[in-house]
């Protein structure tokens, strides 16, 4: 392995050293999504809901890419914590090659299933053409995200969290310029609309992958070569799949659950669909810090567990929660208070704004539960306890979230805000359960490192 200055991550690592750049990265990524929504809202309001529907599918694809990416974050962090540096190039190569192959296969599968997806989501005739073209273009280039996710996890676990921030910033600039060119600029005469926005996204992701790989080599983090896979590390791949599948299964069941809820919302009319899309843009800001803090703690926890420092890992997670919970609560309350004004950046439709106000009140409780879940579930995965979050995800998503959302939102006629009330029920109860599991130290002895 090439020599490089090792970045030490242990119990003394300041949270903000990792979380600060991740926060800015997530903030910039959120801005990217909001710019898409804002620019499309002035182009065609049907396009907004259509891209919102398509992004649910893109997120599902991303979950499947994260089977290996998530396992990479756990394995790399624990092996670095255990100082087993001789195996790192093999782990890096295996992760990138496997995810690239999976990415190509899934990109083709989702494009082929596009018409079936539209029928399942009950997408309206007005929105269907926009949704389909977006999936064909962005979904067809989905393998780029497969490689991007793995590269980002590798660099983060090595302490390079700022690179994600700078790459995301660059993606923002490229995407905004591309959107402008196709929607309002010199290329607007082509009348490509949503297709142009999708092309901008694919170009930005291509450049982002190239930037991460270049940074990987410039910093001498490691090397990629097929020779590291001879003999093929089947045992390690099996171990990574065992870590990644439950994690992806948890995310997949959550996404399927959200997709089912979206089908309920689609049945409530286009105003409800657009209210949900606009509110999700605002909601993404409320969860940024807790998400960044949870991802940072996951890296630190992985290093500590790999080094055999279980007590330090245990305390570190609760310390994170004491920081992230008050900030998340403040951001979600501010969102609810300001939404009558912020929603007007996207629309002047008073019905959509009224629906959005109800959604944002319900979301305060969603964010409280989500903060608990992100903090403790991320740490459980880092410690090697990846089965329990999957079980609780299935039980609470479908047993609590779906039934409550359908009952309140559809049967009782509350509407789209009732769907969010169901999500709040799921997040809060599941969050308390996983916190108790961490508190009782049920995760001890599940490290993936061969001592």
Protein backbone atom coordinates (compact mmCIF):
# COMPACT_ATOMS: atom_id res chain seq x y z
CA UNK A 1 0.00 0.00 0.00
CA UNK A 2 1.31 3.49 -0.81
CA UNK A 3 2.62 5.40 2.18
CA UNK A 4 0.53 8.30 3.36
CA UNK A 5 -0.03 10.35 6.48
CA UNK A 6 -2.59 8.44 8.52
CA UNK A 7 -5.52 10.41 9.95
CA UNK A 8 -6.20 9.04 13.42
CA UNK A 9 -9.88 8.64 14.36
CA UNK A 10 -10.57 7.66 17.98
CA UNK A 11 -12.60 8.66 21.07
CA UNK A 12 -10.85 12.07 21.14
CA UNK A 13 -11.82 12.99 17.59
CA UNK A 14 -14.02 16.14 17.74
CA UNK A 15 -17.49 15.52 16.29
CA UNK A 16 -17.36 18.69 14.22
CA UNK A 17 -14.08 17.66 12.58
CA UNK A 18 -16.07 15.03 10.66
CA UNK A 19 -19.63 16.36 10.98
CA UNK A 20 -18.81 19.93 9.90
CA UNK A 21 -17.77 19.07 6.32
CA UNK A 22 -20.54 16.45 6.11
CA UNK A 23 -23.09 19.05 7.23
CA UNK A 24 -21.96 21.42 4.49
CA UNK A 25 -21.97 18.55 2.00
CA UNK A 26 -25.55 17.59 2.89
CA UNK A 27 -26.59 21.24 2.91
CA UNK A 28 -25.18 21.73 -0.58
CA UNK A 29 -26.81 18.51 -1.75
CA UNK A 30 -30.13 19.71 -0.34
CA UNK A 31 -29.66 23.00 -2.14
CA UNK A 32 -29.08 21.03 -5.35
CA UNK A 33 -32.40 19.22 -4.95
CA UNK A 34 -34.20 22.46 -4.06
CA UNK A 35 -32.76 24.29 -7.03
CA UNK A 36 -34.10 21.51 -9.27
CA UNK A 37 -37.54 21.86 -7.66
CA UNK A 38 -37.50 25.66 -7.76
CA UNK A 39 -36.38 25.88 -11.39
CA UNK A 40 -38.87 23.22 -12.49
CA UNK A 41 -41.72 24.90 -10.57
CA UNK A 42 -41.31 27.97 -12.78
CA UNK A 43 -41.06 25.80 -15.88
CA UNK A 44 -44.02 23.45 -15.37
CA UNK A 45 -45.77 22.55 -12.10
CA UNK A 46 -46.58 19.03 -13.31
CA UNK A 47 -42.86 18.49 -13.82
CA UNK A 48 -42.24 19.08 -10.09
CA UNK A 49 -44.52 16.29 -8.92
CA UNK A 50 -43.28 14.07 -11.74
CA UNK A 51 -39.63 14.42 -10.71
CA UNK A 52 -40.70 13.89 -7.08
CA UNK A 53 -42.24 10.57 -8.12
CA UNK A 54 -39.15 9.65 -10.14
CA UNK A 55 -36.81 10.50 -7.25
CA UNK A 56 -38.57 7.94 -5.07
CA UNK A 57 -37.47 5.32 -7.59
CA UNK A 58 -33.96 6.80 -7.82
CA UNK A 59 -33.71 6.59 -4.06
CA UNK A 60 -34.76 2.95 -4.17
CA UNK A 61 -32.01 2.25 -6.71
CA UNK A 62 -29.53 4.05 -4.47
CA UNK A 63 -30.53 1.83 -1.55
CA UNK A 64 -29.58 -1.25 -3.55
CA UNK A 65 -26.24 0.34 -4.48
CA UNK A 66 -25.64 0.86 -0.77
CA UNK A 67 -25.51 -2.89 -0.05
CA UNK A 68 -21.77 -2.82 -0.73
CA UNK A 69 -21.24 0.88 0.03
CA UNK A 70 -22.61 0.54 3.57
CA UNK A 71 -20.63 -2.63 4.16
CA UNK A 72 -17.54 -0.81 2.90
CA UNK A 73 -17.96 1.92 5.51
CA UNK A 74 -18.23 -0.66 8.32
CA UNK A 75 -15.39 -2.90 7.14
CA UNK A 76 -12.98 -0.07 6.24
CA UNK A 77 -13.57 1.78 9.55
CA UNK A 78 -13.13 -1.35 11.67
CA UNK A 79 -10.04 -2.60 9.80
CA UNK A 80 -8.44 0.86 9.99
CA UNK A 81 -9.27 0.96 13.72
CA UNK A 82 -7.60 -2.44 14.10
CA UNK A 83 -4.62 -1.14 12.06
CA UNK A 84 -4.80 -4.00 9.56
CA UNK A 85 -3.58 -1.80 6.70
CA UNK A 86 -2.28 -4.67 4.55
CA UNK A 87 -5.84 -5.64 3.52
CA UNK A 88 -7.09 -2.20 2.55
CA UNK A 89 -6.29 -2.18 -1.21
CA UNK A 90 -8.07 -5.49 -1.61
CA UNK A 91 -11.13 -4.13 0.24
CA UNK A 92 -11.14 -0.96 -1.87
CA UNK A 93 -10.87 -2.83 -5.17
CA UNK A 94 -13.48 -5.42 -4.24
CA UNK A 95 -15.97 -2.74 -3.20
CA UNK A 96 -15.65 -0.63 -6.36
CA UNK A 97 -15.66 -3.54 -8.83
CA UNK A 98 -18.65 -5.31 -7.27
CA UNK A 99 -20.71 -2.13 -6.97
CA UNK A 100 -19.94 -1.12 -10.56
CA UNK A 101 -21.22 -4.47 -11.85
CA UNK A 102 -24.32 -4.27 -9.64
CA UNK A 103 -24.87 -0.67 -10.77
CA UNK A 104 -24.87 -1.52 -14.46
CA UNK A 105 -27.31 -4.42 -13.95
CA UNK A 106 -29.72 -2.41 -11.80
CA UNK A 107 -29.65 0.61 -14.13
CA UNK A 108 -30.81 -1.62 -16.99
CA UNK A 109 -33.45 -3.33 -14.85
CA UNK A 110 -35.06 -0.11 -13.61
CA UNK A 111 -35.19 1.36 -17.12
CA UNK A 112 -36.84 -1.82 -18.43
CA UNK A 113 -39.41 -1.75 -15.59
CA UNK A 114 -40.22 1.96 -16.05
CA UNK A 115 -43.83 1.53 -17.35
CA UNK A 116 -44.65 -0.94 -14.56
CA UNK A 117 -43.29 1.51 -11.97
CA UNK A 118 -45.56 4.26 -13.27
CA UNK A 119 -48.60 2.00 -12.94
CA UNK A 120 -47.65 0.95 -9.40
CA UNK A 121 -47.28 4.57 -8.26
CA UNK A 122 -50.60 5.61 -9.87
CA UNK A 123 -48.81 8.52 -11.55
CA UNK A 124 -51.31 10.85 -13.23
CA UNK A 125 -51.39 11.12 -17.06
CA UNK A 126 -50.12 14.72 -16.83
CA UNK A 127 -47.02 13.74 -14.86
CA UNK A 128 -46.26 10.33 -16.38
CA UNK A 129 -44.24 11.45 -19.45
CA UNK A 130 -41.98 13.64 -17.31
CA UNK A 131 -41.41 10.91 -14.72
CA UNK A 132 -40.59 8.29 -17.33
CA UNK A 133 -38.03 10.35 -19.24
CA UNK A 134 -36.30 11.32 -15.98
CA UNK A 135 -36.00 7.67 -14.94
CA UNK A 136 -34.71 6.62 -18.37
CA UNK A 137 -31.91 9.20 -18.29
CA UNK A 138 -30.95 9.45 -14.60
CA UNK A 139 -31.75 5.79 -13.92
CA UNK A 140 -29.75 4.72 -16.97
CA UNK A 141 -26.74 6.47 -15.48
CA UNK A 142 -27.43 5.06 -12.03
CA UNK A 143 -24.22 3.02 -12.03
CA UNK A 144 -22.38 6.34 -11.54
CA UNK A 145 -23.98 6.67 -8.11
CA UNK A 146 -22.97 3.10 -7.32
CA UNK A 147 -19.29 3.99 -7.76
CA UNK A 148 -19.73 7.44 -6.18
CA UNK A 149 -21.24 5.96 -2.99
CA UNK A 150 -18.38 3.50 -2.49
CA UNK A 151 -15.68 6.08 -3.17
CA UNK A 152 -17.25 8.54 -0.76
CA UNK A 153 -17.40 5.94 2.03
CA UNK A 154 -13.77 4.94 1.48
CA UNK A 155 -12.55 8.53 1.70
CA UNK A 156 -14.76 9.41 4.68
CA UNK A 157 -13.54 6.43 6.69
CA UNK A 158 -9.98 7.54 6.01
CA UNK A 159 -10.83 10.94 7.50
CA UNK A 160 -11.28 12.85 4.24
CA UNK A 161 -14.76 14.25 4.85
CA UNK A 162 -14.08 17.62 3.20
CA UNK A 163 -13.76 16.10 -0.27
CA UNK A 164 -17.48 15.24 -0.28
CA UNK A 165 -18.27 18.85 0.55
CA UNK A 166 -16.19 20.26 -2.32
CA UNK A 167 -17.41 17.71 -4.83
CA UNK A 168 -21.04 18.39 -3.89
CA UNK A 169 -20.44 22.11 -4.23
CA UNK A 170 -19.08 21.52 -7.73
CA UNK A 171 -22.06 19.31 -8.60
CA UNK A 172 -24.35 22.17 -7.53
CA UNK A 173 -22.68 24.64 -9.85
CA UNK A 174 -22.65 22.26 -12.80
CA UNK A 175 -26.25 21.21 -12.24
CA UNK A 176 -27.56 24.75 -11.84
CA UNK A 177 -25.78 25.87 -14.99
CA UNK A 178 -27.08 22.84 -16.89
CA UNK A 179 -30.64 23.39 -15.68
CA UNK A 180 -30.50 27.03 -16.72
CA UNK A 181 -29.15 26.16 -20.17
CA UNK A 182 -31.94 23.67 -20.87
CA UNK A 183 -34.86 25.45 -19.17
CA UNK A 184 -34.22 29.16 -19.77
CA UNK A 185 -30.89 29.59 -21.59
CA UNK A 186 -29.51 29.01 -25.09
CA UNK A 187 -30.62 25.34 -25.14
CA UNK A 188 -34.22 26.12 -24.14
CA UNK A 189 -35.12 26.21 -27.85
CA UNK A 190 -34.62 22.43 -27.86
CA UNK A 191 -37.66 22.22 -25.55
CA UNK A 192 -36.10 19.34 -23.57
CA UNK A 193 -37.36 20.48 -20.14
CA UNK A 194 -37.17 17.59 -17.68
CA UNK A 195 -34.92 15.65 -20.04
CA UNK A 196 -32.45 18.54 -19.96
CA UNK A 197 -32.51 18.60 -16.15
CA UNK A 198 -31.84 14.86 -16.14
CA UNK A 199 -28.90 15.24 -18.54
CA UNK A 200 -27.42 17.94 -16.28
CA UNK A 201 -27.63 15.54 -13.34
CA UNK A 202 -25.86 12.72 -15.19
CA UNK A 203 -23.05 14.99 -16.42
CA UNK A 204 -22.51 16.36 -12.89
CA UNK A 205 -22.34 12.84 -11.42
CA UNK A 206 -19.84 11.71 -14.05
CA UNK A 207 -17.50 14.55 -13.16
CA UNK A 208 -18.00 13.87 -9.43
CA UNK A 209 -16.90 10.23 -9.77
CA UNK A 210 -13.83 11.29 -11.72
CA UNK A 211 -12.95 13.83 -9.01
CA UNK A 212 -13.20 11.29 -6.16
CA UNK A 213 -11.05 8.71 -7.94
CA UNK A 214 -8.44 11.37 -8.70
CA UNK A 215 -8.40 12.48 -5.04
CA UNK A 216 -8.04 8.84 -3.94
CA UNK A 217 -4.82 8.50 -5.92
CA UNK A 218 -3.42 11.98 -5.23
CA UNK A 219 -3.69 11.48 -1.45
CA UNK A 220 -2.21 7.96 -1.78
CA UNK A 221 -5.16 6.56 0.16
CA UNK A 222 -4.72 3.31 -1.73
CA UNK A 223 -4.80 1.68 -5.14
CA UNK A 224 -7.24 -0.19 -7.36
CA UNK A 225 -6.05 -3.25 -9.25
CA UNK A 226 -7.63 -6.54 -10.25
CA UNK A 227 -4.49 -8.31 -9.01
CA UNK A 228 -5.75 -7.71 -5.46
CA UNK A 229 -8.70 -9.96 -6.31
CA UNK A 230 -6.47 -12.93 -7.17
CA UNK A 231 -7.21 -15.17 -5.39
CA UNK A 232 -10.74 -13.84 -5.19
CA UNK A 233 -11.62 -12.80 -1.60
CA UNK A 234 -14.91 -14.68 -1.52
CA UNK A 235 -14.93 -14.88 2.27
CA UNK A 236 -14.63 -11.11 2.61
CA UNK A 237 -17.31 -10.49 -0.04
CA UNK A 238 -19.66 -12.87 1.79
CA UNK A 239 -18.99 -10.98 5.00
CA UNK A 240 -19.69 -7.64 3.30
CA UNK A 241 -22.90 -8.91 1.73
CA UNK A 242 -24.04 -10.17 5.13
CA UNK A 243 -23.49 -6.65 6.49
CA UNK A 244 -24.91 -4.82 3.51
CA UNK A 245 -28.03 -6.85 2.76
CA UNK A 246 -29.76 -6.29 6.12
CA UNK A 247 -28.82 -2.61 5.98
CA UNK A 248 -30.10 -2.28 2.43
CA UNK A 249 -33.12 -4.38 3.37
CA UNK A 250 -33.95 -1.94 6.14
CA UNK A 251 -33.65 1.01 3.76
CA UNK A 252 -35.49 -0.82 1.01
CA UNK A 253 -38.45 -1.73 3.20
CA UNK A 254 -38.58 1.91 4.33
CA UNK A 255 -38.55 3.11 0.75
CA UNK A 256 -41.23 0.63 -0.32
CA UNK A 257 -43.29 1.78 2.64
CA UNK A 258 -42.81 5.44 1.59
CA UNK A 259 -43.63 4.50 -2.01
CA UNK A 260 -46.88 2.91 -0.85
CA UNK A 261 -47.69 6.07 1.13
CA UNK A 262 -46.94 8.09 -2.01
CA UNK A 263 -49.49 6.01 -3.93
CA UNK A 264 -52.06 7.10 -1.30
CA UNK A 265 -51.03 10.73 -1.80
CA UNK A 266 -51.26 10.41 -5.60
CA UNK A 267 -54.88 9.40 -5.10
CA UNK A 268 -55.53 12.68 -3.26
CA UNK A 269 -54.91 14.87 -6.31
CA UNK A 270 -52.06 16.83 -7.88
CA UNK A 271 -52.13 19.55 -5.20
CA UNK A 272 -51.40 16.96 -2.52
CA UNK A 273 -48.56 15.49 -4.60
CA UNK A 274 -46.99 18.91 -5.13
CA UNK A 275 -47.47 19.92 -1.47
CA UNK A 276 -45.59 16.79 -0.45
CA UNK A 277 -42.80 17.50 -2.98
CA UNK A 278 -42.37 21.13 -1.86
CA UNK A 279 -42.48 20.24 1.84
CA UNK A 280 -39.92 17.47 1.39
CA UNK A 281 -37.60 20.09 -0.05
CA UNK A 282 -37.96 22.19 3.11
CA UNK A 283 -37.90 19.17 5.44
CA UNK A 284 -34.54 18.09 4.07
CA UNK A 285 -32.99 21.14 5.76
CA UNK A 286 -34.32 20.14 9.20
CA UNK A 287 -32.59 16.76 9.13
CA UNK A 288 -29.20 17.86 7.81
CA UNK A 289 -27.34 18.28 11.09
CA UNK A 290 -28.63 15.13 12.75
CA UNK A 291 -27.78 13.17 9.60
CA UNK A 292 -24.25 14.59 9.47
CA UNK A 293 -23.76 13.92 13.18
CA UNK A 294 -25.03 10.33 12.81
CA UNK A 295 -22.73 9.60 9.84
CA UNK A 296 -19.75 11.05 11.68
CA UNK A 297 -20.52 9.03 14.79
CA UNK A 298 -20.83 5.91 12.65
CA UNK A 299 -17.26 6.40 11.42
CA UNK A 300 -15.93 7.07 14.93
CA UNK A 301 -17.87 4.11 16.36
CA UNK A 302 -16.49 1.80 13.67
CA UNK A 303 -12.92 2.82 14.46
CA UNK A 304 -13.48 2.43 18.21
CA UNK A 305 -15.13 -0.99 17.89
CA UNK A 306 -12.36 -2.15 15.56
CA UNK A 307 -9.81 -1.01 18.15
CA UNK A 308 -11.65 -2.87 20.93
CA UNK A 309 -12.81 0.32 22.71
CA UNK A 310 -16.45 -0.60 23.32
CA UNK A 311 -17.01 1.59 26.39
CA UNK A 312 -15.76 4.67 24.56
CA UNK A 313 -18.05 3.86 21.61
CA UNK A 314 -21.04 3.45 23.94
CA UNK A 315 -20.57 6.87 25.55
CA UNK A 316 -19.77 8.64 22.30
CA UNK A 317 -23.16 7.88 20.75
CA UNK A 318 -25.14 9.40 23.63
CA UNK A 319 -22.87 12.45 23.51
CA UNK A 320 -23.81 12.91 19.85
CA UNK A 321 -27.53 12.71 20.64
CA UNK A 322 -27.23 15.46 23.26
CA UNK A 323 -25.95 17.72 20.49
CA UNK A 324 -28.07 16.70 17.52
CA UNK A 325 -31.52 16.43 19.14
CA UNK A 326 -31.92 20.09 20.29
CA UNK A 327 -30.65 21.39 16.95
CA UNK A 328 -33.02 19.12 15.00
CA UNK A 329 -35.97 20.21 17.14
CA UNK A 330 -35.14 23.89 16.64
CA UNK A 331 -34.80 23.49 12.86
CA UNK A 332 -38.10 21.58 12.49
CA UNK A 333 -40.01 24.15 14.57
CA UNK A 334 -38.50 26.97 12.51
CA UNK A 335 -39.57 25.13 9.36
CA UNK A 336 -43.17 24.92 10.61
CA UNK A 337 -43.27 28.61 11.54
CA UNK A 338 -41.71 29.86 8.32
CA UNK A 339 -43.40 27.53 5.80
CA UNK A 340 -46.31 29.94 4.98
CA UNK A 341 -43.60 32.18 3.53
CA UNK A 342 -40.99 29.69 2.28
CA UNK A 343 -43.54 27.65 0.34
CA UNK A 344 -44.28 30.76 -1.72
CA UNK A 345 -40.83 30.43 -3.29
CA UNK A 346 -42.24 27.35 -5.05
CA UNK A 347 -45.91 28.14 -5.63
CA UNK A 348 -48.68 30.71 -5.26
CA UNK A 349 -51.38 28.03 -5.05
CA UNK A 350 -53.11 28.74 -1.70
CA UNK A 351 -54.45 25.19 -1.39
CA UNK A 352 -50.94 23.74 -1.70
CA UNK A 353 -49.66 26.22 0.90
CA UNK A 354 -52.45 25.29 3.33
CA UNK A 355 -51.72 21.58 2.91
CA UNK A 356 -48.01 22.31 3.37
CA UNK A 357 -48.60 24.06 6.72
CA UNK A 358 -50.33 20.98 8.09
CA UNK A 359 -47.53 18.74 6.81
CA UNK A 360 -44.83 20.82 8.47
CA UNK A 361 -46.52 20.66 11.88
CA UNK A 362 -46.68 16.87 11.69
CA UNK A 363 -43.06 16.81 10.55
CA UNK A 364 -41.82 18.19 13.89
CA UNK A 365 -42.57 14.78 15.42
CA UNK A 366 -41.18 12.97 12.38
CA UNK A 367 -37.82 14.72 12.84
CA UNK A 368 -37.59 13.94 16.56
CA UNK A 369 -38.00 10.24 15.87
CA UNK A 370 -35.78 10.36 12.81
CA UNK A 371 -32.95 11.91 14.85
CA UNK A 372 -33.09 8.98 17.30
CA UNK A 373 -33.15 6.46 14.46
CA UNK A 374 -30.29 7.93 12.48
CA UNK A 375 -28.05 8.25 15.53
CA UNK A 376 -28.53 4.78 17.02
CA UNK A 377 -29.11 2.76 13.85
CA UNK A 378 -25.92 4.17 12.27
CA UNK A 379 -23.94 3.27 15.38
CA UNK A 380 -25.43 -0.22 15.60
CA UNK A 381 -24.37 -0.87 11.99
CA UNK A 382 -20.87 0.44 12.72
CA UNK A 383 -20.64 -2.00 15.64
CA UNK A 384 -21.71 -4.91 13.42
CA UNK A 385 -25.27 -5.21 14.77
CA UNK A 386 -27.12 -4.92 11.47
CA UNK A 387 -29.97 -7.45 11.87
CA UNK A 388 -31.94 -5.73 14.64
CA UNK A 389 -32.47 -2.44 12.71
CA UNK A 390 -33.86 -4.46 9.79
CA UNK A 391 -36.36 -6.32 12.00
CA UNK A 392 -37.54 -3.13 13.69
CA UNK A 393 -37.75 -1.34 10.35
CA UNK A 394 -40.08 -3.95 8.88
CA UNK A 395 -42.29 -4.17 11.97
CA UNK A 396 -42.60 -0.42 12.61
CA UNK A 397 -42.78 0.79 9.00
CA UNK A 398 -45.63 -1.50 8.02
CA UNK A 399 -47.17 -2.24 11.40
CA UNK A 400 -47.26 1.35 12.64
CA UNK A 401 -46.44 3.86 9.92
CA UNK A 402 -48.52 2.44 7.09
CA UNK A 403 -51.57 1.51 9.15
CA UNK A 404 -51.61 4.83 11.03
CA UNK A 405 -51.01 6.83 7.87
CA UNK A 406 -53.77 5.04 5.94
CA UNK A 407 -56.22 5.26 8.84
CA UNK A 408 -55.65 8.96 9.58
CA UNK A 409 -54.88 10.18 6.09
CA UNK A 410 -57.31 8.16 3.97
CA UNK A 411 -60.04 6.62 6.13
CA UNK A 412 -60.47 9.62 8.46
CA UNK A 413 -59.99 12.06 5.56
CA UNK A 414 -57.21 14.17 7.10
CA UNK A 415 -55.30 13.97 3.83
CA UNK A 416 -51.58 14.24 3.17
CA UNK A 417 -50.83 15.54 6.70
CA UNK A 418 -52.36 12.32 8.05
CA UNK A 419 -49.84 10.35 6.00
CA UNK A 420 -47.06 12.28 7.75
CA UNK A 421 -48.68 11.56 11.11
CA UNK A 422 -48.26 7.87 10.36
CA UNK A 423 -44.58 8.40 9.55
CA UNK A 424 -44.15 10.28 12.85
CA UNK A 425 -45.63 7.34 14.77
CA UNK A 426 -43.23 4.94 13.08
CA UNK A 427 -40.12 7.10 13.56
CA UNK A 428 -40.72 7.96 17.23
CA UNK A 429 -41.56 4.47 18.50
CA UNK A 430 -38.83 2.79 16.43
CA UNK A 431 -36.32 5.41 17.60
CA UNK A 432 -37.02 4.67 21.25
CA UNK A 433 -36.66 0.92 20.67
CA UNK A 434 -33.26 1.14 18.95
CA UNK A 435 -32.03 3.57 21.61
CA UNK A 436 -32.94 1.03 24.31
CA UNK A 437 -31.13 -1.71 22.34
CA UNK A 438 -27.95 0.39 22.31
CA UNK A 439 -28.39 1.29 25.99
CA UNK A 440 -28.57 -2.40 26.96
CA UNK A 441 -25.35 -3.04 24.96
CA UNK A 442 -26.87 -5.83 22.87
CA UNK A 443 -24.39 -4.95 20.12
CA UNK A 444 -21.27 -6.07 22.00
CA UNK A 445 -19.25 -8.86 20.40
CA UNK A 446 -20.51 -8.27 16.83
CA UNK A 447 -17.32 -6.74 15.39
CA UNK A 448 -16.48 -7.92 11.85
CA UNK A 449 -12.69 -7.69 12.23
CA UNK A 450 -10.72 -10.94 12.50
CA UNK A 451 -8.52 -10.29 15.49
